[in-house]
C-alpha atoms as a PDB file:
ATOM      1  CA  UNK A   1      10.189   8.710 -33.864  1.00  0.00           C
ATOM      2  CA  UNK A   2       7.786   5.836 -34.461  1.00  0.00           C
ATOM      3  CA  UNK A   3       7.266   5.017 -38.163  1.00  0.00           C
ATOM      4  CA  UNK A   4       3.752   4.852 -39.531  1.00  0.00           C
ATOM      5  CA  UNK A   5       3.580   2.029 -42.079  1.00  0.00           C
ATOM      6  CA  UNK A   6       1.688   2.388 -45.398  1.00  0.00           C
ATOM      7  CA  UNK A   7       0.838   6.055 -44.801  1.00  0.00           C
ATOM      8  CA  UNK A   8       2.265   8.765 -46.949  1.00  0.00           C
ATOM      9  CA  UNK A   9       1.914  12.547 -46.553  1.00  0.00           C
ATOM     10  CA  UNK A  10      -1.306  12.709 -48.642  1.00  0.00           C
ATOM     11  CA  UNK A  11      -3.029   9.995 -46.666  1.00  0.00           C
ATOM     12  CA  UNK A  12      -1.826  11.594 -43.402  1.00  0.00           C
ATOM     13  CA  UNK A  13      -3.316  14.902 -44.479  1.00  0.00           C
ATOM     14  CA  UNK A  14      -6.639  13.188 -45.350  1.00  0.00           C
ATOM     15  CA  UNK A  15      -6.642  11.608 -41.891  1.00  0.00           C
ATOM     16  CA  UNK A  16      -6.121  15.003 -40.306  1.00  0.00           C
ATOM     17  CA  UNK A  17      -8.886  16.596 -42.329  1.00  0.00           C
ATOM     18  CA  UNK A  18     -11.223  13.756 -41.504  1.00  0.00           C
ATOM     19  CA  UNK A  19     -10.484  14.134 -37.793  1.00  0.00           C
ATOM     20  CA  UNK A  20     -11.583  17.744 -37.880  1.00  0.00           C
ATOM     21  CA  UNK A  21     -15.053  16.680 -39.006  1.00  0.00           C
ATOM     22  CA  UNK A  22     -15.700  14.575 -35.855  1.00  0.00           C
ATOM     23  CA  UNK A  23     -18.849  15.973 -34.142  1.00  0.00           C
ATOM     24  CA  UNK A  24     -18.200  18.002 -31.038  1.00  0.00           C
ATOM     25  CA  UNK A  25     -20.467  15.693 -28.983  1.00  0.00           C
ATOM     26  CA  UNK A  26     -18.394  12.727 -29.910  1.00  0.00           C
ATOM     27  CA  UNK A  27     -15.268  14.526 -28.739  1.00  0.00           C
ATOM     28  CA  UNK A  28     -16.872  15.370 -25.404  1.00  0.00           C
ATOM     29  CA  UNK A  29     -18.073  11.809 -24.979  1.00  0.00           C
ATOM     30  CA  UNK A  30     -14.557  10.547 -25.666  1.00  0.00           C
ATOM     31  CA  UNK A  31     -13.123  12.906 -23.115  1.00  0.00           C
ATOM     32  CA  UNK A  32     -15.690  11.719 -20.527  1.00  0.00           C
ATOM     33  CA  UNK A  33     -14.810   8.098 -21.285  1.00  0.00           C
ATOM     34  CA  UNK A  34     -11.136   8.945 -20.846  1.00  0.00           C
ATOM     35  CA  UNK A  35     -11.908  10.597 -17.468  1.00  0.00           C
ATOM     36  CA  UNK A  36     -13.795   7.564 -16.160  1.00  0.00           C
ATOM     37  CA  UNK A  37     -10.945   5.317 -17.335  1.00  0.00           C
ATOM     38  CA  UNK A  38     -10.703   1.579 -17.935  1.00  0.00           C
ATOM     39  CA  UNK A  39     -11.770  -0.891 -15.290  1.00  0.00           C
ATOM     40  CA  UNK A  40      -8.774  -2.627 -13.692  1.00  0.00           C
ATOM     41  CA  UNK A  41      -7.786  -4.611 -10.597  1.00  0.00           C
ATOM     42  CA  UNK A  42      -4.727  -4.788  -8.438  1.00  0.00           C
ATOM     43  CA  UNK A  43      -3.600  -6.838  -5.408  1.00  0.00           C
ATOM     44  CA  UNK A  44      -3.181  -4.917  -2.124  1.00  0.00           C
ATOM     45  CA  UNK A  45      -1.273  -7.198   0.275  1.00  0.00           C
ATOM     46  CA  UNK A  46       0.355  -6.205   3.538  1.00  0.00           C
ATOM     47  CA  UNK A  47       2.150  -7.394   6.654  1.00  0.00           C
ATOM     48  CA  UNK A  48       3.956 -10.424   5.315  1.00  0.00           C
ATOM     49  CA  UNK A  49       6.207 -10.429   8.380  1.00  0.00           C
ATOM     50  CA  UNK A  50       8.408 -12.983   6.673  1.00  0.00           C
ATOM     51  CA  UNK A  51      10.793 -15.094   8.773  1.00  0.00           C
ATOM     52  CA  UNK A  52      12.444 -18.545   8.385  1.00  0.00           C
ATOM     53  CA  UNK A  53      10.365 -19.917  11.271  1.00  0.00           C
ATOM     54  CA  UNK A  54       6.644 -20.921  11.448  1.00  0.00           C
ATOM     55  CA  UNK A  55       6.582 -21.914   7.732  1.00  0.00           C
ATOM     56  CA  UNK A  56       6.269 -18.239   6.922  1.00  0.00           C
ATOM     57  CA  UNK A  57       8.486 -18.192   3.845  1.00  0.00           C
ATOM     58  CA  UNK A  58       6.613 -21.045   2.200  1.00  0.00           C
ATOM     59  CA  UNK A  59       3.292 -19.348   2.958  1.00  0.00           C
ATOM     60  CA  UNK A  60       4.464 -16.037   1.464  1.00  0.00           C
ATOM     61  CA  UNK A  61       5.589 -17.972  -1.613  1.00  0.00           C
ATOM     62  CA  UNK A  62       2.060 -19.562  -1.791  1.00  0.00           C
ATOM     63  CA  UNK A  63       0.412 -16.091  -1.534  1.00  0.00           C
ATOM     64  CA  UNK A  64       2.683 -14.589  -4.165  1.00  0.00           C
ATOM     65  CA  UNK A  65       2.144 -17.430  -6.586  1.00  0.00           C
ATOM     66  CA  UNK A  66      -1.689 -17.096  -6.246  1.00  0.00           C
ATOM     67  CA  UNK A  67      -1.390 -13.311  -7.007  1.00  0.00           C
ATOM     68  CA  UNK A  68       0.927 -13.991  -9.957  1.00  0.00           C
ATOM     69  CA  UNK A  69      -1.620 -16.369 -11.419  1.00  0.00           C
ATOM     70  CA  UNK A  70      -4.425 -13.820 -11.073  1.00  0.00           C
ATOM     71  CA  UNK A  71      -5.329 -11.163 -13.730  1.00  0.00           C
ATOM     72  CA  UNK A  72      -4.420  -8.147 -11.570  1.00  0.00           C
ATOM     73  CA  UNK A  73      -2.340  -5.484 -13.196  1.00  0.00           C
ATOM     74  CA  UNK A  74       0.107  -4.936 -10.399  1.00  0.00           C
ATOM     75  CA  UNK A  75       0.685  -5.284  -6.604  1.00  0.00           C
ATOM     76  CA  UNK A  76       0.944  -2.832  -3.792  1.00  0.00           C
ATOM     77  CA  UNK A  77       2.746  -4.134  -0.639  1.00  0.00           C
ATOM     78  CA  UNK A  78       1.342  -2.113   2.296  1.00  0.00           C
ATOM     79  CA  UNK A  79       4.389  -2.434   4.587  1.00  0.00           C
ATOM     80  CA  UNK A  80       5.860  -4.625   7.392  1.00  0.00           C
ATOM     81  CA  UNK A  81       7.652  -6.791   4.821  1.00  0.00           C
ATOM     82  CA  UNK A  82       9.623  -8.659   7.492  1.00  0.00           C
ATOM     83  CA  UNK A  83       9.031 -10.053  10.960  1.00  0.00           C
ATOM     84  CA  UNK A  84      10.773  -7.075  12.625  1.00  0.00           C
ATOM     85  CA  UNK A  85      13.723  -4.722  12.319  1.00  0.00           C
ATOM     86  CA  UNK A  86      12.734  -2.396  15.163  1.00  0.00           C
ATOM     87  CA  UNK A  87      14.274  -4.339  18.025  1.00  0.00           C
ATOM     88  CA  UNK A  88      16.290  -7.183  16.450  1.00  0.00           C
ATOM     89  CA  UNK A  89      19.945  -6.973  15.710  1.00  0.00           C
ATOM     90  CA  UNK A  90      21.407  -5.959  12.325  1.00  0.00           C
ATOM     91  CA  UNK A  91      22.372  -9.465  11.291  1.00  0.00           C
ATOM     92  CA  UNK A  92      18.841 -10.880  11.679  1.00  0.00           C
ATOM     93  CA  UNK A  93      17.196  -7.813  10.184  1.00  0.00           C
ATOM     94  CA  UNK A  94      19.378  -8.122   7.150  1.00  0.00           C
ATOM     95  CA  UNK A  95      18.689 -11.843   6.864  1.00  0.00           C
ATOM     96  CA  UNK A  96      14.968 -11.168   7.032  1.00  0.00           C
ATOM     97  CA  UNK A  97      14.977  -8.541   4.374  1.00  0.00           C
ATOM     98  CA  UNK A  98      17.131 -10.702   2.087  1.00  0.00           C
ATOM     99  CA  UNK A  99      14.655 -13.507   2.635  1.00  0.00           C
ATOM    100  CA  UNK A 100      11.742 -11.226   1.698  1.00  0.00           C
ATOM    101  CA  UNK A 101      13.337  -9.848  -1.375  1.00  0.00           C
ATOM    102  CA  UNK A 102      14.389 -13.320  -2.571  1.00  0.00           C
ATOM    103  CA  UNK A 103      10.887 -14.677  -2.081  1.00  0.00           C
ATOM    104  CA  UNK A 104       9.290 -11.752  -3.950  1.00  0.00           C
ATOM    105  CA  UNK A 105      11.823 -12.054  -6.813  1.00  0.00           C
ATOM    106  CA  UNK A 106      11.165 -15.771  -7.210  1.00  0.00           C
ATOM    107  CA  UNK A 107       7.411 -15.945  -6.699  1.00  0.00           C
ATOM    108  CA  UNK A 108       5.753 -12.555  -7.371  1.00  0.00           C
ATOM    109  CA  UNK A 109       5.632 -12.056 -11.155  1.00  0.00           C
ATOM    110  CA  UNK A 110       3.843  -8.722 -11.195  1.00  0.00           C
ATOM    111  CA  UNK A 111       5.067  -5.171 -10.909  1.00  0.00           C
ATOM    112  CA  UNK A 112       5.210  -4.277  -7.214  1.00  0.00           C
ATOM    113  CA  UNK A 113       4.961  -0.928  -5.429  1.00  0.00           C
ATOM    114  CA  UNK A 114       6.132  -0.767  -1.815  1.00  0.00           C
ATOM    115  CA  UNK A 115       5.010   1.094   1.360  1.00  0.00           C
ATOM    116  CA  UNK A 116       7.125   1.579   4.472  1.00  0.00           C
ATOM    117  CA  UNK A 117       5.861  -0.162   7.601  1.00  0.00           C
ATOM    118  CA  UNK A 118       7.039   0.302  11.233  1.00  0.00           C
ATOM    119  CA  UNK A 119       8.707  -3.167  11.289  1.00  0.00           C
ATOM    120  CA  UNK A 120      10.753  -2.177   8.225  1.00  0.00           C
ATOM    121  CA  UNK A 121      12.728   0.448  10.238  1.00  0.00           C
ATOM    122  CA  UNK A 122      16.049  -0.682  11.651  1.00  0.00           C
ATOM    123  CA  UNK A 123      17.168  -0.482  15.286  1.00  0.00           C
ATOM    124  CA  UNK A 124      14.679   2.077  16.503  1.00  0.00           C
ATOM    125  CA  UNK A 125      14.026   0.301  19.838  1.00  0.00           C
ATOM    126  CA  UNK A 126      17.143   0.425  22.069  1.00  0.00           C
ATOM    127  CA  UNK A 127      16.873  -3.375  22.568  1.00  0.00           C
ATOM    128  CA  UNK A 128      18.280  -3.756  19.102  1.00  0.00           C
ATOM    129  CA  UNK A 129      21.679  -2.569  20.238  1.00  0.00           C
ATOM    130  CA  UNK A 130      21.996  -0.364  17.141  1.00  0.00           C
ATOM    131  CA  UNK A 131      22.963   3.245  17.659  1.00  0.00           C
ATOM    132  CA  UNK A 132      20.980   6.015  15.957  1.00  0.00           C
ATOM    133  CA  UNK A 133      24.005   7.168  14.092  1.00  0.00           C
ATOM    134  CA  UNK A 134      24.752   3.671  12.663  1.00  0.00           C
ATOM    135  CA  UNK A 135      24.585   3.039   8.970  1.00  0.00           C
ATOM    136  CA  UNK A 136      21.082   2.158   7.747  1.00  0.00           C
ATOM    137  CA  UNK A 137      19.444   3.193  11.031  1.00  0.00           C
ATOM    138  CA  UNK A 138      15.674   3.689  11.044  1.00  0.00           C
ATOM    139  CA  UNK A 139      14.020   4.359   7.737  1.00  0.00           C
ATOM    140  CA  UNK A 140      17.247   4.235   5.749  1.00  0.00           C
ATOM    141  CA  UNK A 141      17.069   0.415   6.052  1.00  0.00           C
ATOM    142  CA  UNK A 142      13.871   0.636   3.999  1.00  0.00           C
ATOM    143  CA  UNK A 143      14.941   3.179   1.455  1.00  0.00           C
ATOM    144  CA  UNK A 144      18.229   1.327   0.710  1.00  0.00           C
ATOM    145  CA  UNK A 145      16.078  -1.623  -0.397  1.00  0.00           C
ATOM    146  CA  UNK A 146      12.959  -0.091  -1.897  1.00  0.00           C
ATOM    147  CA  UNK A 147      13.536   3.577  -2.641  1.00  0.00           C
ATOM    148  CA  UNK A 148      11.485   6.626  -1.599  1.00  0.00           C
ATOM    149  CA  UNK A 149       9.276   6.503   1.450  1.00  0.00           C
ATOM    150  CA  UNK A 150       6.580   8.625  -0.192  1.00  0.00           C
ATOM    151  CA  UNK A 151       5.869   9.005  -3.878  1.00  0.00           C
ATOM    152  CA  UNK A 152       3.109   9.041  -6.486  1.00  0.00           C
ATOM    153  CA  UNK A 153       2.435   7.131  -9.695  1.00  0.00           C
ATOM    154  CA  UNK A 154      -0.301   6.860 -12.318  1.00  0.00           C
ATOM    155  CA  UNK A 155      -2.103   3.874 -13.721  1.00  0.00           C
ATOM    156  CA  UNK A 156      -4.856   3.817 -16.292  1.00  0.00           C
ATOM    157  CA  UNK A 157      -6.084   7.229 -15.438  1.00  0.00           C
ATOM    158  CA  UNK A 158      -5.897   6.871 -11.614  1.00  0.00           C
ATOM    159  CA  UNK A 159      -3.341   8.833  -9.562  1.00  0.00           C
ATOM    160  CA  UNK A 160      -1.890   6.816  -6.649  1.00  0.00           C
ATOM    161  CA  UNK A 161      -0.216   8.576  -3.683  1.00  0.00           C
ATOM    162  CA  UNK A 162       1.948   6.538  -1.297  1.00  0.00           C
ATOM    163  CA  UNK A 163       2.541   7.968   2.155  1.00  0.00           C
ATOM    164  CA  UNK A 164       5.031   7.310   4.899  1.00  0.00           C
ATOM    165  CA  UNK A 165       2.901   7.230   8.107  1.00  0.00           C
ATOM    166  CA  UNK A 166       5.681   6.054  10.525  1.00  0.00           C
ATOM    167  CA  UNK A 167       6.724   8.766  12.955  1.00  0.00           C
ATOM    168  CA  UNK A 168       9.930   7.976  14.780  1.00  0.00           C
ATOM    169  CA  UNK A 169       9.746   9.566  18.241  1.00  0.00           C
ATOM    170  CA  UNK A 170      12.601  11.137  20.222  1.00  0.00           C
ATOM    171  CA  UNK A 171      12.481   8.355  22.821  1.00  0.00           C
ATOM    172  CA  UNK A 172      13.318   5.770  20.136  1.00  0.00           C
ATOM    173  CA  UNK A 173       9.842   4.462  19.631  1.00  0.00           C
ATOM    174  CA  UNK A 174       7.224   5.220  16.880  1.00  0.00           C
ATOM    175  CA  UNK A 175       3.692   6.519  16.320  1.00  0.00           C
ATOM    176  CA  UNK A 176       1.365   6.977  13.390  1.00  0.00           C
ATOM    177  CA  UNK A 177       2.291  10.352  11.917  1.00  0.00           C
ATOM    178  CA  UNK A 178       2.653  12.042   8.549  1.00  0.00           C
ATOM    179  CA  UNK A 179       5.277  14.664   8.946  1.00  0.00           C
ATOM    180  CA  UNK A 180       4.956  18.351   8.033  1.00  0.00           C
ATOM    181  CA  UNK A 181       7.279  18.230   5.030  1.00  0.00           C
ATOM    182  CA  UNK A 182       5.293  15.310   3.612  1.00  0.00           C
ATOM    183  CA  UNK A 183       1.971  17.173   4.123  1.00  0.00           C
ATOM    184  CA  UNK A 184       3.401  20.005   2.080  1.00  0.00           C
ATOM    185  CA  UNK A 185       4.431  17.596  -0.651  1.00  0.00           C
ATOM    186  CA  UNK A 186       0.972  15.955  -0.600  1.00  0.00           C
ATOM    187  CA  UNK A 187      -0.782  19.293  -0.845  1.00  0.00           C
ATOM    188  CA  UNK A 188       1.392  20.261  -3.789  1.00  0.00           C
ATOM    189  CA  UNK A 189       1.065  16.885  -5.573  1.00  0.00           C
ATOM    190  CA  UNK A 190      -2.749  16.886  -5.361  1.00  0.00           C
ATOM    191  CA  UNK A 191      -3.037  20.548  -6.389  1.00  0.00           C
ATOM    192  CA  UNK A 192      -1.124  19.744  -9.594  1.00  0.00           C
ATOM    193  CA  UNK A 193      -3.701  17.159 -10.617  1.00  0.00           C
ATOM    194  CA  UNK A 194      -6.532  18.105 -13.048  1.00  0.00           C
ATOM    195  CA  UNK A 195      -9.920  18.805 -11.580  1.00  0.00           C
ATOM    196  CA  UNK A 196     -11.808  15.598 -10.975  1.00  0.00           C
ATOM    197  CA  UNK A 197      -8.654  13.363 -11.221  1.00  0.00           C
ATOM    198  CA  UNK A 198      -9.397   9.998  -9.478  1.00  0.00           C
ATOM    199  CA  UNK A 199      -7.013   9.494  -6.629  1.00  0.00           C
ATOM    200  CA  UNK A 200      -6.110   6.530  -4.424  1.00  0.00           C
ATOM    201  CA  UNK A 201      -4.053   7.048  -1.207  1.00  0.00           C
ATOM    202  CA  UNK A 202      -1.979   4.319   0.397  1.00  0.00           C
ATOM    203  CA  UNK A 203      -0.592   4.211   3.909  1.00  0.00           C
ATOM    204  CA  UNK A 204       0.702   1.621   6.325  1.00  0.00           C
ATOM    205  CA  UNK A 205      -0.730   2.898   9.628  1.00  0.00           C
ATOM    206  CA  UNK A 206      -4.434   3.733   9.087  1.00  0.00           C
ATOM    207  CA  UNK A 207      -5.799   7.262   8.843  1.00  0.00           C
ATOM    208  CA  UNK A 208      -9.325   6.015   9.736  1.00  0.00           C
ATOM    209  CA  UNK A 209     -10.078   2.749  11.599  1.00  0.00           C
ATOM    210  CA  UNK A 210     -12.405   1.335  14.236  1.00  0.00           C
ATOM    211  CA  UNK A 211      -9.617  -0.764  15.734  1.00  0.00           C
ATOM    212  CA  UNK A 212      -9.715   0.992  19.095  1.00  0.00           C
ATOM    213  CA  UNK A 213     -13.203  -0.470  19.610  1.00  0.00           C
ATOM    214  CA  UNK A 214     -11.988  -4.020  19.485  1.00  0.00           C
ATOM    215  CA  UNK A 215      -8.207  -4.316  19.457  1.00  0.00           C
ATOM    216  CA  UNK A 216      -6.474  -6.472  22.051  1.00  0.00           C
ATOM    217  CA  UNK A 217      -6.238  -4.817  25.442  1.00  0.00           C
ATOM    218  CA  UNK A 218      -2.491  -5.181  25.356  1.00  0.00           C
ATOM    219  CA  UNK A 219      -2.338  -2.921  22.371  1.00  0.00           C
ATOM    220  CA  UNK A 220      -3.703  -0.096  24.546  1.00  0.00           C
ATOM    221  CA  UNK A 221      -0.666  -0.130  26.787  1.00  0.00           C
ATOM    222  CA  UNK A 222       1.858   1.456  24.420  1.00  0.00           C
ATOM    223  CA  UNK A 223       4.087   4.501  24.886  1.00  0.00           C
ATOM    224  CA  UNK A 224       2.604   6.157  21.761  1.00  0.00           C
ATOM    225  CA  UNK A 225      -0.350   5.719  19.499  1.00  0.00           C
ATOM    226  CA  UNK A 226       0.489   2.681  17.381  1.00  0.00           C
ATOM    227  CA  UNK A 227      -3.045   2.220  16.039  1.00  0.00           C
ATOM    228  CA  UNK A 228      -3.749   5.095  13.757  1.00  0.00           C
ATOM    229  CA  UNK A 229      -2.153   8.358  12.395  1.00  0.00           C
ATOM    230  CA  UNK A 230      -2.356  10.877  15.245  1.00  0.00           C
ATOM    231  CA  UNK A 231      -2.482  13.817  12.838  1.00  0.00           C
ATOM    232  CA  UNK A 232      -4.852  12.145  10.409  1.00  0.00           C
ATOM    233  CA  UNK A 233      -7.144  15.181  10.473  1.00  0.00           C
ATOM    234  CA  UNK A 234      -4.384  17.139   8.791  1.00  0.00           C
ATOM    235  CA  UNK A 235      -4.210  14.585   5.975  1.00  0.00           C
ATOM    236  CA  UNK A 236      -8.048  14.387   5.652  1.00  0.00           C
ATOM    237  CA  UNK A 237      -8.318  18.168   5.345  1.00  0.00           C
ATOM    238  CA  UNK A 238      -5.994  18.044   2.387  1.00  0.00           C
ATOM    239  CA  UNK A 239      -7.821  15.099   0.715  1.00  0.00           C
ATOM    240  CA  UNK A 240     -11.306  16.596   1.128  1.00  0.00           C
ATOM    241  CA  UNK A 241     -10.912  19.049  -1.755  1.00  0.00           C
ATOM    242  CA  UNK A 242     -10.009  16.256  -4.230  1.00  0.00           C
ATOM    243  CA  UNK A 243     -11.666  13.271  -5.904  1.00  0.00           C
ATOM    244  CA  UNK A 244     -10.173  10.713  -3.463  1.00  0.00           C
ATOM    245  CA  UNK A 245     -11.905   7.424  -4.138  1.00  0.00           C
ATOM    246  CA  UNK A 246     -10.270   5.316  -1.378  1.00  0.00           C
ATOM    247  CA  UNK A 247      -7.467   5.150   1.184  1.00  0.00           C
ATOM    248  CA  UNK A 248      -5.801   1.752   1.426  1.00  0.00           C
ATOM    249  CA  UNK A 249      -4.300   0.816   4.769  1.00  0.00           C
ATOM    250  CA  UNK A 250      -2.326  -2.039   6.369  1.00  0.00           C
ATOM    251  CA  UNK A 251      -0.845  -2.499   9.921  1.00  0.00           C
ATOM    252  CA  UNK A 252      -3.990  -3.694  11.804  1.00  0.00           C
ATOM    253  CA  UNK A 253      -4.041  -7.239  10.399  1.00  0.00           C
ATOM    254  CA  UNK A 254      -7.841  -6.862  10.172  1.00  0.00           C
ATOM    255  CA  UNK A 255      -9.979  -6.570   7.052  1.00  0.00           C
ATOM    256  CA  UNK A 256     -12.080  -3.548   7.596  1.00  0.00           C
ATOM    257  CA  UNK A 257     -14.001  -1.014   5.402  1.00  0.00           C
ATOM    258  CA  UNK A 258     -15.275   2.404   6.565  1.00  0.00           C
ATOM    259  CA  UNK A 259     -16.976   4.934   4.385  1.00  0.00           C
ATOM    260  CA  UNK A 260     -16.448   8.596   5.577  1.00  0.00           C
ATOM    261  CA  UNK A 261     -17.370  11.697   3.640  1.00  0.00           C
ATOM    262  CA  UNK A 262     -17.363   9.937   0.335  1.00  0.00           C
ATOM    263  CA  UNK A 263     -14.040   8.161   0.831  1.00  0.00           C
ATOM    264  CA  UNK A 264     -13.741   4.418   1.355  1.00  0.00           C
ATOM    265  CA  UNK A 265     -11.034   3.416   3.900  1.00  0.00           C
ATOM    266  CA  UNK A 266     -10.000  -0.161   3.238  1.00  0.00           C
ATOM    267  CA  UNK A 267      -7.731  -1.885   5.720  1.00  0.00           C
ATOM    268  CA  UNK A 268      -6.480  -5.192   4.366  1.00  0.00           C
ATOM    269  CA  UNK A 269      -5.866  -8.226   6.632  1.00  0.00           C
ATOM    270  CA  UNK A 270      -2.310  -9.524   6.923  1.00  0.00           C
ATOM    271  CA  UNK A 271      -0.685 -12.106   4.670  1.00  0.00           C
ATOM    272  CA  UNK A 272       0.708 -13.361   8.057  1.00  0.00           C
ATOM    273  CA  UNK A 273      -2.630 -13.370   9.859  1.00  0.00           C
ATOM    274  CA  UNK A 274      -1.852 -13.373  13.602  1.00  0.00           C
ATOM    275  CA  UNK A 275       1.941 -13.407  12.926  1.00  0.00           C
ATOM    276  CA  UNK A 276       1.772 -16.863  11.338  1.00  0.00           C
ATOM    277  CA  UNK A 277      -0.322 -18.424  14.167  1.00  0.00           C
ATOM    278  CA  UNK A 278      -3.765 -18.305  12.681  1.00  0.00           C
ATOM    279  CA  UNK A 279      -6.455 -15.620  12.333  1.00  0.00           C
ATOM    280  CA  UNK A 280      -6.358 -12.245  14.008  1.00  0.00           C
ATOM    281  CA  UNK A 281      -9.593 -10.856  15.406  1.00  0.00           C
ATOM    282  CA  UNK A 282     -11.545 -12.895  12.877  1.00  0.00           C
ATOM    283  CA  UNK A 283      -9.388 -12.147   9.828  1.00  0.00           C
ATOM    284  CA  UNK A 284      -7.483 -15.068   8.349  1.00  0.00           C
ATOM    285  CA  UNK A 285      -4.225 -14.936   6.408  1.00  0.00           C
ATOM    286  CA  UNK A 286      -4.906 -13.202   3.141  1.00  0.00           C
ATOM    287  CA  UNK A 287      -4.820 -10.065   0.943  1.00  0.00           C
ATOM    288  CA  UNK A 288      -7.264  -7.764  -0.849  1.00  0.00           C
ATOM    289  CA  UNK A 289      -8.076  -7.521  -4.538  1.00  0.00           C
ATOM    290  CA  UNK A 290      -9.034  -4.038  -5.371  1.00  0.00           C
ATOM    291  CA  UNK A 291     -11.119  -3.218  -8.501  1.00  0.00           C
ATOM    292  CA  UNK A 292     -11.539   0.392  -9.812  1.00  0.00           C
ATOM    293  CA  UNK A 293     -14.323   0.949 -12.404  1.00  0.00           C
ATOM    294  CA  UNK A 294     -14.972   4.550 -13.115  1.00  0.00           C
ATOM    295  CA  UNK A 295     -15.660   6.286  -9.772  1.00  0.00           C
ATOM    296  CA  UNK A 296     -16.377   2.986  -7.977  1.00  0.00           C
ATOM    297  CA  UNK A 297     -13.841   1.117  -5.803  1.00  0.00           C
ATOM    298  CA  UNK A 298     -14.620  -2.435  -4.665  1.00  0.00           C
ATOM    299  CA  UNK A 299     -12.624  -4.783  -2.540  1.00  0.00           C
ATOM    300  CA  UNK A 300     -12.746  -8.534  -1.841  1.00  0.00           C
ATOM    301  CA  UNK A 301     -10.589 -10.358   0.655  1.00  0.00           C
ATOM    302  CA  UNK A 302      -8.937 -13.573  -0.483  1.00  0.00           C
ATOM    303  CA  UNK A 303      -7.251 -16.347   1.393  1.00  0.00           C
ATOM    304  CA  UNK A 304      -4.514 -18.378  -0.326  1.00  0.00           C
ATOM    305  CA  UNK A 305      -4.790 -21.940   1.050  1.00  0.00           C
ATOM    306  CA  UNK A 306      -2.258 -21.756   3.941  1.00  0.00           C
ATOM    307  CA  UNK A 307      -3.028 -23.536   7.207  1.00  0.00           C
ATOM    308  CA  UNK A 308      -0.591 -22.984  10.039  1.00  0.00           C
ATOM    309  CA  UNK A 309       0.429 -26.004  12.143  1.00  0.00           C
ATOM    310  CA  UNK A 310       1.048 -23.524  14.998  1.00  0.00           C
ATOM    311  CA  UNK A 311      -2.555 -22.267  15.341  1.00  0.00           C
ATOM    312  CA  UNK A 312      -3.214 -19.795  18.145  1.00  0.00           C
ATOM    313  CA  UNK A 313      -6.059 -17.701  16.762  1.00  0.00           C
ATOM    314  CA  UNK A 314      -6.446 -14.289  18.344  1.00  0.00           C
ATOM    315  CA  UNK A 315     -10.212 -13.599  19.067  1.00  0.00           C
ATOM    316  CA  UNK A 316     -11.858 -10.319  19.789  1.00  0.00           C
END
């Protein structure tokens, strides 16, 4: 129990009686103010794709230091922490994840929430030489390091929902998909929120994007849909009955905003840009700073001073 200094029973009773005399209108105004919540900002960064080559580790440290020096409350990492675990061998994947976690620990002095990305899944592609029954295979590689693949948390009156949008396919590949069990969890989680609760959803692979209009032609030749969540309609049908302010997305390496049915879909560019070789489809290396003020969500894209010596910009 927390002690209350300089307040005896009599003074406490006076305080209680005084509180009962507060006008009803003031109580309603206070409740409305609480519902709108305090204005706050956080960093949404994604696709660090860290590796020892291409000066990537130093660049990630630069980005993390800039975020740490900013007034944001916390950080969400939108996935693809490392260069790749899908088709590399266990030794390199482990080295890369160690490098990422060491860099975050030494340079990112903010609370961090994590999202699973496709490149955070171990040995899914047969080229990796890792068997599906091997320890740490697939998404276990991520959960061993960062914890649950989907979860929710609250901050200053806003309910955040983090999704796992990586669908591992039977042919040892992947697609954008939110599985049925997770859809049930999402439906129940949102139903438990009070009416009007402000909600932010976070996913690695986008629910809504215009990428297919301008992505590189080579991206169209994939065995599955790598660009967006194939059952995104199922997710949107759950979200539509709630006060979802925005959906934050990674994966595409392009800074993009789309407003659809009152929801803002914000895809952030990659910390790695075009995999540490410059800009990707016009978006340079960077991250997004998200501000929530009442019912309004705004985003600005920030670079962090890194210039690659290995520039091979990818144009549209």
